[in-house]
C-alpha cells in the first residue's frame, strides 16, 4: 500500500523513506531544543482511497514505532494529529503502532471538519490524548486553497467561538 501525504495523495516509497528518516532527525533536534511533545505525522486518506485505509493504518503504525522508540529515549512524547482520520481510524492507528509513547493530538476542529461530533470523538480517543490545540470551523464553508494549503478538501479554520462548534459541552 502506498503511503499518503497530507493531501491524501499516494507517495512513492522513496518519499516515504525520506519522511521516516526526516522524522527521526526531527526527534534528535527536538531533544536538543528540550521539547517534550512532537507532532510528526498527520495522516490523511482521501475519499478515493478509503478502500486502502485498513492496510495503510497497519503499515503506518509499524512505521511510527521506531520514531516513538527514539523519542521515548529522550523523554519526548510523539503525537499524531487527527488531520484526516476519524476517531475510529485514529484509535486503529494507535493500536496498530502499539507503543505507549505514541498518542494523539486532539483537535476538535479537525473532527468537526470531517462531520464527526468532536465531543463523541474525544470520548473515543481520550485515553490516548497527549496534547491538544483548539480552533473552530464553519460547517457550511469548504476550504479554499489559499485558506489552508493547495488542494485541501477541508473547511477553513477560525478562532474558537467564531465558528460552528458547540463548545459548551
Protein backbone atom coordinates (compact mmCIF):
# COMPACT_ATOMS: atom_id res chain seq x y z
CA UNK A 1 0.00 0.00 0.00
CA UNK A 2 1.34 3.39 -0.91
CA UNK A 3 1.71 5.84 1.96
CA UNK A 4 -0.27 9.06 1.64
CA UNK A 5 0.71 12.70 2.05
CA UNK A 6 -1.24 15.42 3.89
CA UNK A 7 -3.44 15.95 0.85
CA UNK A 8 -4.35 12.26 0.65
CA UNK A 9 -2.22 11.60 -2.44
CA UNK A 10 -0.16 8.40 -2.69
CA UNK A 11 3.60 8.85 -2.16
CA UNK A 12 6.45 6.84 -3.61
CA UNK A 13 8.41 4.51 -1.32
CA UNK A 14 11.43 6.81 -1.74
CA UNK A 15 9.47 9.80 -0.42
CA UNK A 16 8.06 7.73 2.43
CA UNK A 17 11.58 6.54 3.34
CA UNK A 18 12.85 10.12 3.30
CA UNK A 19 9.95 11.20 5.52
CA UNK A 20 10.76 8.43 8.02
CA UNK A 21 14.43 9.46 8.16
CA UNK A 22 13.40 13.10 8.48
CA UNK A 23 11.10 12.24 11.41
CA UNK A 24 13.96 10.51 13.23
CA UNK A 25 16.20 13.53 12.67
CA UNK A 26 13.39 15.77 13.88
CA UNK A 27 13.27 13.83 17.14
CA UNK A 28 17.00 14.41 17.60
CA UNK A 29 16.52 18.16 17.02
CA UNK A 30 13.56 18.22 19.42
CA UNK A 31 15.76 16.70 22.12
CA UNK A 32 18.41 19.35 21.53
CA UNK A 33 15.74 22.03 21.93
CA UNK A 34 14.34 20.48 25.11
CA UNK A 35 10.91 19.79 23.66
CA UNK A 36 8.60 17.36 25.45
CA UNK A 37 5.97 16.72 22.74
CA UNK A 38 6.45 16.46 18.97
CA UNK A 39 3.79 16.21 16.31
CA UNK A 40 5.34 14.40 13.41
CA UNK A 41 2.55 12.89 11.35
CA UNK A 42 -0.78 13.99 10.02
CA UNK A 43 -2.23 11.02 8.21
CA UNK A 44 -4.79 11.74 5.56
CA UNK A 45 -6.59 9.28 3.35
CA UNK A 46 -8.75 10.93 0.73
CA UNK A 47 -12.23 9.61 -0.04
CA UNK A 48 -10.99 7.94 -3.23
CA UNK A 49 -8.52 5.79 -1.27
CA UNK A 50 -10.67 4.71 1.69
CA UNK A 51 -10.60 1.11 0.45
CA UNK A 52 -6.88 1.09 1.36
CA UNK A 53 -7.36 2.56 4.84
CA UNK A 54 -7.03 -0.62 6.94
CA UNK A 55 -3.77 -1.69 5.34
CA UNK A 56 -2.40 1.84 5.39
CA UNK A 57 -3.20 2.19 9.08
CA UNK A 58 -1.39 -1.08 9.83
CA UNK A 59 1.66 -0.04 7.76
CA UNK A 60 1.78 3.45 9.22
CA UNK A 61 1.51 2.07 12.74
CA UNK A 62 4.59 -0.07 12.09
CA UNK A 63 6.45 2.92 10.61
CA UNK A 64 5.72 5.04 13.69
CA UNK A 65 7.20 2.55 16.18
CA UNK A 66 10.91 3.37 15.63
CA UNK A 67 10.11 7.07 15.80
CA UNK A 68 8.28 6.60 19.11
CA UNK A 69 11.18 4.45 20.35
CA UNK A 70 13.74 7.15 19.62
CA UNK A 71 11.58 9.85 21.19
CA UNK A 72 10.99 7.75 24.30
CA UNK A 73 14.74 7.51 24.81
CA UNK A 74 14.80 11.31 25.06
CA UNK A 75 11.69 11.62 27.23
CA UNK A 76 9.71 13.11 24.34
CA UNK A 77 6.13 12.08 23.54
CA UNK A 78 5.06 11.70 19.91
CA UNK A 79 1.58 12.73 18.83
CA UNK A 80 -0.36 12.12 15.64
CA UNK A 81 -2.86 14.85 14.83
CA UNK A 82 -6.33 13.84 13.72
CA UNK A 83 -5.95 15.76 10.48
CA UNK A 84 -7.55 13.33 8.08
CA UNK A 85 -8.69 10.48 10.29
CA UNK A 86 -11.91 9.98 12.18
CA UNK A 87 -11.70 8.85 15.79
CA UNK A 88 -12.15 5.17 14.92
CA UNK A 89 -9.26 5.36 12.44
CA UNK A 90 -7.10 7.22 14.95
CA UNK A 91 -7.69 4.55 17.59
CA UNK A 92 -6.92 1.87 14.99
CA UNK A 93 -3.65 3.63 14.07
CA UNK A 94 -2.53 3.97 17.68
CA UNK A 95 -3.46 0.34 18.32
CA UNK A 96 -1.51 -0.72 15.22
CA UNK A 97 1.56 1.17 16.44
CA UNK A 98 1.13 -0.41 19.87
CA UNK A 99 3.54 1.98 21.55
CA UNK A 100 2.95 3.68 24.90
CA UNK A 101 4.93 6.74 23.84
CA UNK A 102 2.70 7.41 20.83
CA UNK A 103 -0.56 9.24 21.34
CA UNK A 104 -2.75 11.73 19.58
CA UNK A 105 -3.01 15.47 19.38
CA UNK A 106 -6.72 16.15 19.82
CA UNK A 107 -8.06 18.87 17.56
CA UNK A 108 -11.86 19.22 17.78
CA UNK A 109 -11.94 21.32 14.60
CA UNK A 110 -10.50 18.51 12.53
CA UNK A 111 -13.15 16.06 13.70
CA UNK A 112 -15.89 18.62 13.03
CA UNK A 113 -14.47 19.26 9.55
CA UNK A 114 -14.95 15.60 8.77
CA UNK A 115 -18.53 15.57 10.03
CA UNK A 116 -17.79 13.87 13.35
CA UNK A 117 -19.02 15.31 16.62
CA UNK A 118 -15.87 16.49 18.45
CA UNK A 119 -17.17 15.51 21.89
CA UNK A 120 -18.02 11.97 20.72
CA UNK A 121 -14.57 11.75 19.12
CA UNK A 122 -12.96 12.87 22.37
CA UNK A 123 -14.73 10.12 24.29
CA UNK A 124 -13.23 7.56 21.88
CA UNK A 125 -9.65 8.86 21.92
CA UNK A 126 -9.37 10.46 25.38
CA UNK A 127 -7.23 7.64 26.78
CA UNK A 128 -4.61 8.35 24.09
CA UNK A 129 -4.61 12.18 24.06
CA UNK A 130 -1.18 13.58 24.97
CA UNK A 131 -1.73 17.12 23.67
CA UNK A 132 -4.41 19.29 22.12
CA UNK A 133 -4.86 22.53 20.30
CA UNK A 134 -8.11 24.32 19.66
CA UNK A 135 -9.59 26.03 16.67
CA UNK A 136 -13.11 26.34 15.29
CA UNK A 137 -14.58 25.85 11.82
CA UNK A 138 -17.53 26.94 9.73
CA UNK A 139 -19.65 23.94 8.80
CA UNK A 140 -21.10 25.37 5.59
CA UNK A 141 -17.88 26.60 4.02
CA UNK A 142 -15.49 24.40 2.10
CA UNK A 143 -11.78 25.13 2.27
CA UNK A 144 -10.18 27.23 -0.41
CA UNK A 145 -6.55 26.50 -1.26
CA UNK A 146 -5.36 29.90 -0.07
CA UNK A 147 -7.05 29.36 3.34
CA UNK A 148 -5.22 26.17 4.27
CA UNK A 149 -2.94 24.84 1.58
CA UNK A 150 -3.30 23.90 -2.06
CA UNK A 151 -5.69 21.01 -2.60
CA UNK A 152 -7.25 20.92 0.85
CA UNK A 153 -10.74 19.47 0.95
CA UNK A 154 -11.46 20.75 4.46
CA UNK A 155 -13.40 23.73 5.73
CA UNK A 156 -11.37 26.75 6.89
CA UNK A 157 -10.23 27.23 10.47
CA UNK A 158 -11.42 30.18 12.52
CA UNK A 159 -10.82 31.32 16.12
CA UNK A 160 -12.55 29.41 18.90
CA UNK A 161 -16.05 30.81 19.28
CA UNK A 162 -16.12 32.33 15.77
CA UNK A 163 -17.29 29.10 14.15
CA UNK A 164 -19.99 26.50 14.47
CA UNK A 165 -18.57 24.05 17.03
CA UNK A 166 -20.70 23.88 20.18
CA UNK A 167 -18.05 24.44 22.87
CA UNK A 168 -20.36 24.36 25.87
CA UNK A 169 -20.39 20.56 26.31
